[in-house]
């Protein structure tokens, strides 16, 4: 049996759609793995592109990519079939109500974020990795995912209460006692989630990188995202400006460079309290380990 690793470090990459979060988060995961740290890159975006970025199939359970690096594309449908306490309770209630098609849970709004968070908790508790990198969905979806810990205690309290009431009604209807979740189980689950939330907002363990483009619309969205993240208590570490054009004598590229330079100046002023990382637009298409190694997204 392998000895458990220390509490992992978490890095979450978020930002507007199309900014290159998957590429940069995957490049960062390769960097940590090559430095000898056992690393997991996890995609929590329902429209997974991690497999495409790596040029290899990534499954819904951790898949080995290279030495020290594993990848997973979290799938809500698969997650709902896991042997987890809350999932078993939901399935049990449906079956007692005569609903045997438990796939109905997949249609519940927000269930993919909840299941992704549940798997995140497992990754943290199992201590199998030293670094966990999260490739999130575009901003709105990602912020819903990150807000789950802030609401999870109230949600658990209400869901456990409702579950006990449902089991009570079922016991009356079936004229036999049907045991629901105990108060002890409720407190254990709530304490577990609270502990994980405490780690996610602790800068000793967790950090968030907002990926953006040197464009006005991206600046506006980044401002909104930053306010929301800080309100939730998440430690935003840095701003990554991606896809910066190289200097050129070509009229078109020169014009684009001038626009980008002005926007980069604005970004540096608006977010001067954060670390700013600039990533150039590369000549080649970034697919596969060799191409990803060219990207310097982790400041040495």
C-alpha atoms as a PDB file:
ATOM      1  CA  UNK A   1       0.000   0.000   0.000  1.00  0.00           C
ATOM      2  CA  UNK A   2       1.417   3.405  -1.008  1.00  0.00           C
ATOM      3  CA  UNK A   3       1.969   6.015   1.677  1.00  0.00           C
ATOM      4  CA  UNK A   4      -0.442   8.958   1.378  1.00  0.00           C
ATOM      5  CA  UNK A   5       1.086  12.166   0.083  1.00  0.00           C
ATOM      6  CA  UNK A   6       0.794  15.490   1.965  1.00  0.00           C
ATOM      7  CA  UNK A   7      -2.225  17.755   1.414  1.00  0.00           C
ATOM      8  CA  UNK A   8      -2.057  18.693  -2.280  1.00  0.00           C
ATOM      9  CA  UNK A   9      -1.709  22.160  -3.748  1.00  0.00           C
ATOM     10  CA  UNK A  10      -4.625  23.267  -5.922  1.00  0.00           C
ATOM     11  CA  UNK A  11      -4.452  25.487  -8.984  1.00  0.00           C
ATOM     12  CA  UNK A  12      -7.670  26.520 -10.718  1.00  0.00           C
ATOM     13  CA  UNK A  13      -7.625  28.128 -14.148  1.00  0.00           C
ATOM     14  CA  UNK A  14     -10.696  30.144 -15.027  1.00  0.00           C
ATOM     15  CA  UNK A  15     -11.715  32.894 -17.445  1.00  0.00           C
ATOM     16  CA  UNK A  16     -13.796  33.739 -20.473  1.00  0.00           C
ATOM     17  CA  UNK A  17     -14.397  31.017 -23.077  1.00  0.00           C
ATOM     18  CA  UNK A  18     -11.742  30.794 -25.788  1.00  0.00           C
ATOM     19  CA  UNK A  19      -8.906  32.327 -23.769  1.00  0.00           C
ATOM     20  CA  UNK A  20      -6.844  29.111 -23.699  1.00  0.00           C
ATOM     21  CA  UNK A  21      -7.526  27.816 -20.179  1.00  0.00           C
ATOM     22  CA  UNK A  22      -7.196  24.170 -21.195  1.00  0.00           C
ATOM     23  CA  UNK A  23      -3.894  24.735 -22.983  1.00  0.00           C
ATOM     24  CA  UNK A  24      -2.351  26.746 -20.138  1.00  0.00           C
ATOM     25  CA  UNK A  25      -3.607  24.524 -17.308  1.00  0.00           C
ATOM     26  CA  UNK A  26      -2.337  21.425 -19.132  1.00  0.00           C
ATOM     27  CA  UNK A  27       1.039  23.067 -19.772  1.00  0.00           C
ATOM     28  CA  UNK A  28       1.274  23.882 -16.056  1.00  0.00           C
ATOM     29  CA  UNK A  29       0.454  20.285 -15.111  1.00  0.00           C
ATOM     30  CA  UNK A  30       3.231  18.999 -17.401  1.00  0.00           C
ATOM     31  CA  UNK A  31       5.684  21.421 -15.795  1.00  0.00           C
ATOM     32  CA  UNK A  32       4.895  20.181 -12.251  1.00  0.00           C
ATOM     33  CA  UNK A  33       5.028  16.519 -13.317  1.00  0.00           C
ATOM     34  CA  UNK A  34       8.430  16.996 -14.937  1.00  0.00           C
ATOM     35  CA  UNK A  35       9.629  18.608 -11.718  1.00  0.00           C
ATOM     36  CA  UNK A  36       8.904  15.289  -9.994  1.00  0.00           C
ATOM     37  CA  UNK A  37       5.550  16.141  -8.391  1.00  0.00           C
ATOM     38  CA  UNK A  38       2.725  13.639  -8.757  1.00  0.00           C
ATOM     39  CA  UNK A  39       0.140  15.763 -10.555  1.00  0.00           C
ATOM     40  CA  UNK A  40      -3.501  15.481 -11.626  1.00  0.00           C
ATOM     41  CA  UNK A  41      -5.003  17.657 -14.362  1.00  0.00           C
ATOM     42  CA  UNK A  42      -8.798  17.549 -14.011  1.00  0.00           C
ATOM     43  CA  UNK A  43     -11.268  18.991 -16.509  1.00  0.00           C
ATOM     44  CA  UNK A  44     -14.555  20.118 -14.943  1.00  0.00           C
ATOM     45  CA  UNK A  45     -15.819  21.591 -18.203  1.00  0.00           C
ATOM     46  CA  UNK A  46     -18.799  19.579 -19.574  1.00  0.00           C
ATOM     47  CA  UNK A  47     -17.487  20.354 -23.089  1.00  0.00           C
ATOM     48  CA  UNK A  48     -14.208  18.582 -22.390  1.00  0.00           C
ATOM     49  CA  UNK A  49     -11.233  19.524 -24.559  1.00  0.00           C
ATOM     50  CA  UNK A  50      -8.448  18.062 -22.409  1.00  0.00           C
ATOM     51  CA  UNK A  51      -8.243  14.948 -24.609  1.00  0.00           C
ATOM     52  CA  UNK A  52      -8.015  17.142 -27.722  1.00  0.00           C
ATOM     53  CA  UNK A  53      -5.315  19.308 -26.179  1.00  0.00           C
ATOM     54  CA  UNK A  54      -3.162  16.322 -25.210  1.00  0.00           C
ATOM     55  CA  UNK A  55      -3.877  14.411 -28.401  1.00  0.00           C
ATOM     56  CA  UNK A  56      -4.855  11.303 -26.432  1.00  0.00           C
ATOM     57  CA  UNK A  57      -8.045   9.939 -24.828  1.00  0.00           C
ATOM     58  CA  UNK A  58      -8.610  10.976 -21.216  1.00  0.00           C
ATOM     59  CA  UNK A  59     -11.196   8.983 -19.256  1.00  0.00           C
ATOM     60  CA  UNK A  60     -13.604   9.817 -16.430  1.00  0.00           C
ATOM     61  CA  UNK A  61     -11.209   8.157 -13.986  1.00  0.00           C
ATOM     62  CA  UNK A  62      -7.551   9.277 -13.633  1.00  0.00           C
ATOM     63  CA  UNK A  63      -5.607   8.286 -16.758  1.00  0.00           C
ATOM     64  CA  UNK A  64      -1.795   8.184 -16.867  1.00  0.00           C
ATOM     65  CA  UNK A  65      -0.400  10.705 -19.395  1.00  0.00           C
ATOM     66  CA  UNK A  66       3.337  10.728 -18.696  1.00  0.00           C
ATOM     67  CA  UNK A  67       5.466   9.963 -15.648  1.00  0.00           C
ATOM     68  CA  UNK A  68       3.948  11.698 -12.568  1.00  0.00           C
ATOM     69  CA  UNK A  69       1.024  13.103 -14.587  1.00  0.00           C
ATOM     70  CA  UNK A  70      -2.572  11.874 -14.639  1.00  0.00           C
ATOM     71  CA  UNK A  71      -5.631  13.365 -16.292  1.00  0.00           C
ATOM     72  CA  UNK A  72      -9.380  13.054 -15.729  1.00  0.00           C
ATOM     73  CA  UNK A  73     -12.417  14.482 -17.494  1.00  0.00           C
ATOM     74  CA  UNK A  74     -15.078  14.578 -14.792  1.00  0.00           C
ATOM     75  CA  UNK A  75     -18.331  13.206 -16.148  1.00  0.00           C
ATOM     76  CA  UNK A  76     -21.553  13.817 -14.171  1.00  0.00           C
ATOM     77  CA  UNK A  77     -23.241  10.712 -15.632  1.00  0.00           C
ATOM     78  CA  UNK A  78     -20.411   8.455 -14.457  1.00  0.00           C
ATOM     79  CA  UNK A  79     -20.108  10.303 -11.141  1.00  0.00           C
ATOM     80  CA  UNK A  80     -23.777   9.615 -10.369  1.00  0.00           C
ATOM     81  CA  UNK A  81     -23.054   5.884 -10.499  1.00  0.00           C
ATOM     82  CA  UNK A  82     -20.251   6.038  -7.944  1.00  0.00           C
ATOM     83  CA  UNK A  83     -20.514   4.388  -4.531  1.00  0.00           C
ATOM     84  CA  UNK A  84     -21.021   7.605  -2.590  1.00  0.00           C
ATOM     85  CA  UNK A  85     -23.238   8.207   0.439  1.00  0.00           C
ATOM     86  CA  UNK A  86     -25.259  11.119  -0.975  1.00  0.00           C
ATOM     87  CA  UNK A  87     -25.697   9.449  -4.350  1.00  0.00           C
ATOM     88  CA  UNK A  88     -26.901   6.226  -2.722  1.00  0.00           C
ATOM     89  CA  UNK A  89     -29.409   8.244  -0.690  1.00  0.00           C
ATOM     90  CA  UNK A  90     -30.789   9.942  -3.821  1.00  0.00           C
ATOM     91  CA  UNK A  91     -31.087   6.625  -5.642  1.00  0.00           C
ATOM     92  CA  UNK A  92     -32.742   5.013  -2.628  1.00  0.00           C
ATOM     93  CA  UNK A  93     -35.381   7.749  -2.367  1.00  0.00           C
ATOM     94  CA  UNK A  94     -36.241   7.497  -6.069  1.00  0.00           C
ATOM     95  CA  UNK A  95     -36.580   3.714  -5.889  1.00  0.00           C
ATOM     96  CA  UNK A  96     -38.777   3.890  -2.786  1.00  0.00           C
ATOM     97  CA  UNK A  97     -40.970   6.362  -4.663  1.00  0.00           C
ATOM     98  CA  UNK A  98     -41.291   3.809  -7.452  1.00  0.00           C
ATOM     99  CA  UNK A  99     -38.907   5.633  -9.824  1.00  0.00           C
ATOM    100  CA  UNK A 100     -36.455   3.027 -11.098  1.00  0.00           C
ATOM    101  CA  UNK A 101     -34.959   5.127 -13.894  1.00  0.00           C
ATOM    102  CA  UNK A 102     -32.379   6.885 -11.723  1.00  0.00           C
ATOM    103  CA  UNK A 103     -30.847   8.492 -14.831  1.00  0.00           C
ATOM    104  CA  UNK A 104     -33.405  11.237 -14.165  1.00  0.00           C
ATOM    105  CA  UNK A 105     -30.820  12.702 -11.765  1.00  0.00           C
ATOM    106  CA  UNK A 106     -28.670  13.643 -14.761  1.00  0.00           C
ATOM    107  CA  UNK A 107     -31.300  16.207 -15.775  1.00  0.00           C
ATOM    108  CA  UNK A 108     -31.242  18.068 -12.442  1.00  0.00           C
ATOM    109  CA  UNK A 109     -29.918  21.627 -13.063  1.00  0.00           C
ATOM    110  CA  UNK A 110     -26.421  22.103 -11.663  1.00  0.00           C
ATOM    111  CA  UNK A 111     -25.872  18.382 -10.975  1.00  0.00           C
ATOM    112  CA  UNK A 112     -22.660  18.357 -13.054  1.00  0.00           C
ATOM    113  CA  UNK A 113     -21.094  21.049 -10.835  1.00  0.00           C
ATOM    114  CA  UNK A 114     -22.185  19.230  -7.649  1.00  0.00           C
ATOM    115  CA  UNK A 115     -20.763  15.917  -8.895  1.00  0.00           C
ATOM    116  CA  UNK A 116     -17.537  17.610  -9.982  1.00  0.00           C
ATOM    117  CA  UNK A 117     -17.182  19.112  -6.514  1.00  0.00           C
ATOM    118  CA  UNK A 118     -17.887  15.724  -4.918  1.00  0.00           C
ATOM    119  CA  UNK A 119     -15.066  14.174  -6.959  1.00  0.00           C
ATOM    120  CA  UNK A 120     -12.797  17.097  -6.049  1.00  0.00           C
ATOM    121  CA  UNK A 121     -13.394  16.269  -2.377  1.00  0.00           C
ATOM    122  CA  UNK A 122     -12.366  12.666  -3.051  1.00  0.00           C
ATOM    123  CA  UNK A 123      -9.147  13.715  -4.786  1.00  0.00           C
ATOM    124  CA  UNK A 124      -8.254  15.935  -1.827  1.00  0.00           C
ATOM    125  CA  UNK A 125      -9.082  13.389   0.864  1.00  0.00           C
ATOM    126  CA  UNK A 126      -7.289  10.484  -0.826  1.00  0.00           C
ATOM    127  CA  UNK A 127      -4.009  12.441  -0.945  1.00  0.00           C
ATOM    128  CA  UNK A 128      -2.803  10.624  -4.057  1.00  0.00           C
ATOM    129  CA  UNK A 129      -1.412  13.779  -5.677  1.00  0.00           C
ATOM    130  CA  UNK A 130       0.909  16.621  -4.727  1.00  0.00           C
ATOM    131  CA  UNK A 131      -0.527  19.039  -7.291  1.00  0.00           C
ATOM    132  CA  UNK A 132      -4.110  19.166  -8.591  1.00  0.00           C
ATOM    133  CA  UNK A 133      -4.730  21.445 -11.583  1.00  0.00           C
ATOM    134  CA  UNK A 134      -8.316  22.277 -12.528  1.00  0.00           C
ATOM    135  CA  UNK A 135      -9.285  23.248 -16.045  1.00  0.00           C
ATOM    136  CA  UNK A 136     -12.648  24.924 -15.516  1.00  0.00           C
ATOM    137  CA  UNK A 137     -15.459  25.782 -17.891  1.00  0.00           C
ATOM    138  CA  UNK A 138     -16.017  29.362 -19.155  1.00  0.00           C
ATOM    139  CA  UNK A 139     -16.522  31.933 -16.396  1.00  0.00           C
ATOM    140  CA  UNK A 140     -20.244  31.551 -15.630  1.00  0.00           C
ATOM    141  CA  UNK A 141     -20.110  27.782 -15.281  1.00  0.00           C
ATOM    142  CA  UNK A 142     -16.826  27.942 -13.371  1.00  0.00           C
ATOM    143  CA  UNK A 143     -18.172  30.509 -10.906  1.00  0.00           C
ATOM    144  CA  UNK A 144     -21.205  28.300 -10.226  1.00  0.00           C
ATOM    145  CA  UNK A 145     -18.826  25.443  -9.489  1.00  0.00           C
ATOM    146  CA  UNK A 146     -16.651  27.567  -7.211  1.00  0.00           C
ATOM    147  CA  UNK A 147     -19.706  28.926  -5.378  1.00  0.00           C
ATOM    148  CA  UNK A 148     -20.881  25.439  -4.378  1.00  0.00           C
ATOM    149  CA  UNK A 149     -18.744  25.333  -1.193  1.00  0.00           C
ATOM    150  CA  UNK A 150     -20.331  28.597   0.006  1.00  0.00           C
ATOM    151  CA  UNK A 151     -23.820  27.085  -0.218  1.00  0.00           C
ATOM    152  CA  UNK A 152     -23.112  23.405   0.403  1.00  0.00           C
ATOM    153  CA  UNK A 153     -23.686  23.442   4.182  1.00  0.00           C
ATOM    154  CA  UNK A 154     -27.135  25.005   3.884  1.00  0.00           C
ATOM    155  CA  UNK A 155     -27.947  22.699   0.950  1.00  0.00           C
ATOM    156  CA  UNK A 156     -26.844  19.600   2.909  1.00  0.00           C
ATOM    157  CA  UNK A 157     -28.806  20.655   5.995  1.00  0.00           C
ATOM    158  CA  UNK A 158     -32.003  21.125   3.980  1.00  0.00           C
ATOM    159  CA  UNK A 159     -31.515  17.998   1.862  1.00  0.00           C
ATOM    160  CA  UNK A 160     -30.922  15.779   4.897  1.00  0.00           C
ATOM    161  CA  UNK A 161     -34.022  17.229   6.579  1.00  0.00           C
ATOM    162  CA  UNK A 162     -36.114  16.702   3.439  1.00  0.00           C
ATOM    163  CA  UNK A 163     -34.728  13.172   3.034  1.00  0.00           C
ATOM    164  CA  UNK A 164     -35.701  12.219   6.591  1.00  0.00           C
ATOM    165  CA  UNK A 165     -39.198  13.609   6.007  1.00  0.00           C
ATOM    166  CA  UNK A 166     -39.544  11.586   2.793  1.00  0.00           C
ATOM    167  CA  UNK A 167     -38.431   8.401   4.553  1.00  0.00           C
ATOM    168  CA  UNK A 168     -40.938   9.159   7.350  1.00  0.00           C
ATOM    169  CA  UNK A 169     -43.786   9.455   4.827  1.00  0.00           C
ATOM    170  CA  UNK A 170     -42.647   6.263   3.088  1.00  0.00           C
ATOM    171  CA  UNK A 171     -42.625   4.422   6.425  1.00  0.00           C
ATOM    172  CA  UNK A 172     -46.241   5.486   7.023  1.00  0.00           C
ATOM    173  CA  UNK A 173     -47.330   4.605   3.484  1.00  0.00           C
ATOM    174  CA  UNK A 174     -45.653   1.171   3.516  1.00  0.00           C
ATOM    175  CA  UNK A 175     -46.541   0.493   7.177  1.00  0.00           C
ATOM    176  CA  UNK A 176     -42.985  -0.443   8.038  1.00  0.00           C
ATOM    177  CA  UNK A 177     -39.968   1.466   9.268  1.00  0.00           C
ATOM    178  CA  UNK A 178     -37.652   2.668   6.521  1.00  0.00           C
ATOM    179  CA  UNK A 179     -34.482   4.149   7.966  1.00  0.00           C
ATOM    180  CA  UNK A 180     -33.149   7.330   6.416  1.00  0.00           C
ATOM    181  CA  UNK A 181     -29.828   9.086   7.030  1.00  0.00           C
ATOM    182  CA  UNK A 182     -28.987   9.712  10.679  1.00  0.00           C
ATOM    183  CA  UNK A 183     -28.116  13.060  12.263  1.00  0.00           C
ATOM    184  CA  UNK A 184     -24.595  11.693  12.809  1.00  0.00           C
ATOM    185  CA  UNK A 185     -24.199  11.017   9.088  1.00  0.00           C
ATOM    186  CA  UNK A 186     -25.472  14.519   8.336  1.00  0.00           C
ATOM    187  CA  UNK A 187     -22.936  16.183  10.641  1.00  0.00           C
ATOM    188  CA  UNK A 188     -20.090  14.038   9.315  1.00  0.00           C
ATOM    189  CA  UNK A 189     -20.886  14.994   5.725  1.00  0.00           C
ATOM    190  CA  UNK A 190     -21.284  18.684   6.562  1.00  0.00           C
ATOM    191  CA  UNK A 191     -18.024  18.737   8.548  1.00  0.00           C
ATOM    192  CA  UNK A 192     -16.261  17.006   5.640  1.00  0.00           C
ATOM    193  CA  UNK A 193     -17.414  19.586   3.109  1.00  0.00           C
ATOM    194  CA  UNK A 194     -16.655  22.479   5.452  1.00  0.00           C
ATOM    195  CA  UNK A 195     -13.094  21.237   5.934  1.00  0.00           C
ATOM    196  CA  UNK A 196     -12.545  21.044   2.161  1.00  0.00           C
ATOM    197  CA  UNK A 197     -13.947  24.548   1.652  1.00  0.00           C
ATOM    198  CA  UNK A 198     -11.533  25.844   4.286  1.00  0.00           C
ATOM    199  CA  UNK A 199      -8.643  24.384   2.301  1.00  0.00           C
ATOM    200  CA  UNK A 200      -9.872  25.792  -1.031  1.00  0.00           C
ATOM    201  CA  UNK A 201      -9.914  29.364   0.306  1.00  0.00           C
ATOM    202  CA  UNK A 202      -6.592  28.976   2.104  1.00  0.00           C
ATOM    203  CA  UNK A 203      -3.769  30.505  -0.021  1.00  0.00           C
ATOM    204  CA  UNK A 204      -1.368  28.031   1.596  1.00  0.00           C
ATOM    205  CA  UNK A 205      -3.013  25.265  -0.418  1.00  0.00           C
ATOM    206  CA  UNK A 206      -5.021  26.919  -3.170  1.00  0.00           C
ATOM    207  CA  UNK A 207      -4.638  29.522  -5.908  1.00  0.00           C
ATOM    208  CA  UNK A 208      -6.642  30.744  -8.884  1.00  0.00           C
ATOM    209  CA  UNK A 209      -5.295  31.975 -12.199  1.00  0.00           C
ATOM    210  CA  UNK A 210      -7.602  34.058 -14.388  1.00  0.00           C
ATOM    211  CA  UNK A 211      -6.772  33.573 -18.061  1.00  0.00           C
ATOM    212  CA  UNK A 212      -7.630  36.450 -20.370  1.00  0.00           C
ATOM    213  CA  UNK A 213      -6.850  37.931 -23.775  1.00  0.00           C
ATOM    214  CA  UNK A 214      -5.498  41.472 -24.288  1.00  0.00           C
ATOM    215  CA  UNK A 215      -8.937  42.658 -25.425  1.00  0.00           C
ATOM    216  CA  UNK A 216     -11.442  45.134 -23.965  1.00  0.00           C
ATOM    217  CA  UNK A 217     -14.237  42.581 -23.603  1.00  0.00           C
ATOM    218  CA  UNK A 218     -11.911  40.189 -21.803  1.00  0.00           C
ATOM    219  CA  UNK A 219     -10.858  42.975 -19.421  1.00  0.00           C
ATOM    220  CA  UNK A 220     -14.489  43.723 -18.517  1.00  0.00           C
ATOM    221  CA  UNK A 221     -15.287  40.067 -17.835  1.00  0.00           C
ATOM    222  CA  UNK A 222     -12.111  39.581 -15.824  1.00  0.00           C
ATOM    223  CA  UNK A 223     -13.050  42.530 -13.597  1.00  0.00           C
ATOM    224  CA  UNK A 224     -16.460  40.958 -12.902  1.00  0.00           C
ATOM    225  CA  UNK A 225     -14.965  37.508 -12.282  1.00  0.00           C
ATOM    226  CA  UNK A 226     -12.351  38.885  -9.906  1.00  0.00           C
ATOM    227  CA  UNK A 227     -14.973  40.642  -7.775  1.00  0.00           C
ATOM    228  CA  UNK A 228     -17.080  37.472  -7.578  1.00  0.00           C
ATOM    229  CA  UNK A 229     -14.118  35.259  -6.683  1.00  0.00           C
ATOM    230  CA  UNK A 230     -12.923  37.610  -3.967  1.00  0.00           C
ATOM    231  CA  UNK A 231     -16.455  37.828  -2.545  1.00  0.00           C
ATOM    232  CA  UNK A 232     -16.474  34.040  -2.230  1.00  0.00           C
ATOM    233  CA  UNK A 233     -13.108  34.190  -0.473  1.00  0.00           C
ATOM    234  CA  UNK A 234     -11.058  32.446  -3.163  1.00  0.00           C
ATOM    235  CA  UNK A 235      -7.369  33.398  -3.385  1.00  0.00           C
ATOM    236  CA  UNK A 236      -6.741  34.817  -6.859  1.00  0.00           C
ATOM    237  CA  UNK A 237      -3.003  34.530  -7.443  1.00  0.00           C
ATOM    238  CA  UNK A 238      -2.411  35.898 -10.916  1.00  0.00           C
ATOM    239  CA  UNK A 239      -3.682  37.156 -14.244  1.00  0.00           C
ATOM    240  CA  UNK A 240      -2.406  35.338 -17.335  1.00  0.00           C
ATOM    241  CA  UNK A 241      -2.565  37.356 -20.557  1.00  0.00           C
ATOM    242  CA  UNK A 242      -2.603  34.809 -23.355  1.00  0.00           C
ATOM    243  CA  UNK A 243      -2.083  34.954 -27.124  1.00  0.00           C
ATOM    244  CA  UNK A 244       0.080  38.078 -27.313  1.00  0.00           C
ATOM    245  CA  UNK A 245       1.181  38.787 -30.894  1.00  0.00           C
ATOM    246  CA  UNK A 246       4.931  39.120 -31.595  1.00  0.00           C
ATOM    247  CA  UNK A 247       6.300  42.398 -32.949  1.00  0.00           C
ATOM    248  CA  UNK A 248       6.086  42.587 -36.732  1.00  0.00           C
ATOM    249  CA  UNK A 249       6.536  44.979 -39.658  1.00  0.00           C
ATOM    250  CA  UNK A 250       3.409  43.587 -41.285  1.00  0.00           C
ATOM    251  CA  UNK A 251       0.754  46.359 -41.270  1.00  0.00           C
ATOM    252  CA  UNK A 252      -2.035  44.097 -40.049  1.00  0.00           C
ATOM    253  CA  UNK A 253       0.009  42.484 -37.268  1.00  0.00           C
ATOM    254  CA  UNK A 254       1.534  45.850 -36.287  1.00  0.00           C
ATOM    255  CA  UNK A 255      -1.968  47.289 -35.876  1.00  0.00           C
ATOM    256  CA  UNK A 256      -3.048  44.306 -33.767  1.00  0.00           C
ATOM    257  CA  UNK A 257       0.116  44.569 -31.651  1.00  0.00           C
ATOM    258  CA  UNK A 258      -0.558  48.255 -30.973  1.00  0.00           C
ATOM    259  CA  UNK A 259      -4.112  47.464 -29.822  1.00  0.00           C
ATOM    260  CA  UNK A 260      -2.884  44.631 -27.620  1.00  0.00           C
ATOM    261  CA  UNK A 261      -0.137  46.808 -26.091  1.00  0.00           C
ATOM    262  CA  UNK A 262      -2.678  49.463 -25.091  1.00  0.00           C
ATOM    263  CA  UNK A 263      -4.919  46.809 -23.527  1.00  0.00           C
ATOM    264  CA  UNK A 264      -1.975  45.184 -21.725  1.00  0.00           C
ATOM    265  CA  UNK A 265      -1.118  48.580 -20.192  1.00  0.00           C
ATOM    266  CA  UNK A 266      -4.727  48.859 -18.968  1.00  0.00           C
ATOM    267  CA  UNK A 267      -4.584  45.322 -17.537  1.00  0.00           C
ATOM    268  CA  UNK A 268      -1.378  46.051 -15.636  1.00  0.00           C
ATOM    269  CA  UNK A 269      -2.908  49.174 -14.099  1.00  0.00           C
ATOM    270  CA  UNK A 270      -6.286  47.627 -13.227  1.00  0.00           C
ATOM    271  CA  UNK A 271      -4.791  44.457 -11.749  1.00  0.00           C
ATOM    272  CA  UNK A 272      -1.534  45.866 -10.385  1.00  0.00           C
ATOM    273  CA  UNK A 273      -2.091  44.066  -7.065  1.00  0.00           C
ATOM    274  CA  UNK A 274      -1.822  40.681  -8.821  1.00  0.00           C
ATOM    275  CA  UNK A 275       1.023  38.886 -10.536  1.00  0.00           C
ATOM    276  CA  UNK A 276       0.783  39.335 -14.320  1.00  0.00           C
ATOM    277  CA  UNK A 277       2.079  36.623 -16.663  1.00  0.00           C
ATOM    278  CA  UNK A 278       2.325  37.226 -20.419  1.00  0.00           C
ATOM    279  CA  UNK A 279       2.125  34.282 -22.812  1.00  0.00           C
ATOM    280  CA  UNK A 280       2.967  34.833 -26.500  1.00  0.00           C
ATOM    281  CA  UNK A 281       0.967  33.586 -29.463  1.00  0.00           C
ATOM    282  CA  UNK A 282       3.009  30.634 -30.770  1.00  0.00           C
ATOM    283  CA  UNK A 283       3.525  29.775 -34.425  1.00  0.00           C
ATOM    284  CA  UNK A 284       2.438  26.151 -34.191  1.00  0.00           C
ATOM    285  CA  UNK A 285      -0.855  24.620 -33.097  1.00  0.00           C
ATOM    286  CA  UNK A 286      -0.571  23.517 -29.466  1.00  0.00           C
ATOM    287  CA  UNK A 287      -1.547  19.843 -29.402  1.00  0.00           C
ATOM    288  CA  UNK A 288       0.415  17.138 -27.604  1.00  0.00           C
ATOM    289  CA  UNK A 289       3.089  17.047 -24.899  1.00  0.00           C
ATOM    290  CA  UNK A 290       5.959  18.379 -27.039  1.00  0.00           C
ATOM    291  CA  UNK A 291       4.035  21.490 -28.087  1.00  0.00           C
ATOM    292  CA  UNK A 292       2.669  22.081 -24.576  1.00  0.00           C
ATOM    293  CA  UNK A 293       6.198  22.009 -23.173  1.00  0.00           C
ATOM    294  CA  UNK A 294       6.932  25.187 -25.167  1.00  0.00           C
ATOM    295  CA  UNK A 295       4.536  27.227 -23.032  1.00  0.00           C
ATOM    296  CA  UNK A 296       6.024  28.977 -20.004  1.00  0.00           C
ATOM    297  CA  UNK A 297       3.006  29.581 -17.785  1.00  0.00           C
ATOM    298  CA  UNK A 298       4.518  28.772 -14.362  1.00  0.00           C
ATOM    299  CA  UNK A 299       6.824  31.512 -13.149  1.00  0.00           C
ATOM    300  CA  UNK A 300      10.069  29.933 -11.997  1.00  0.00           C
END
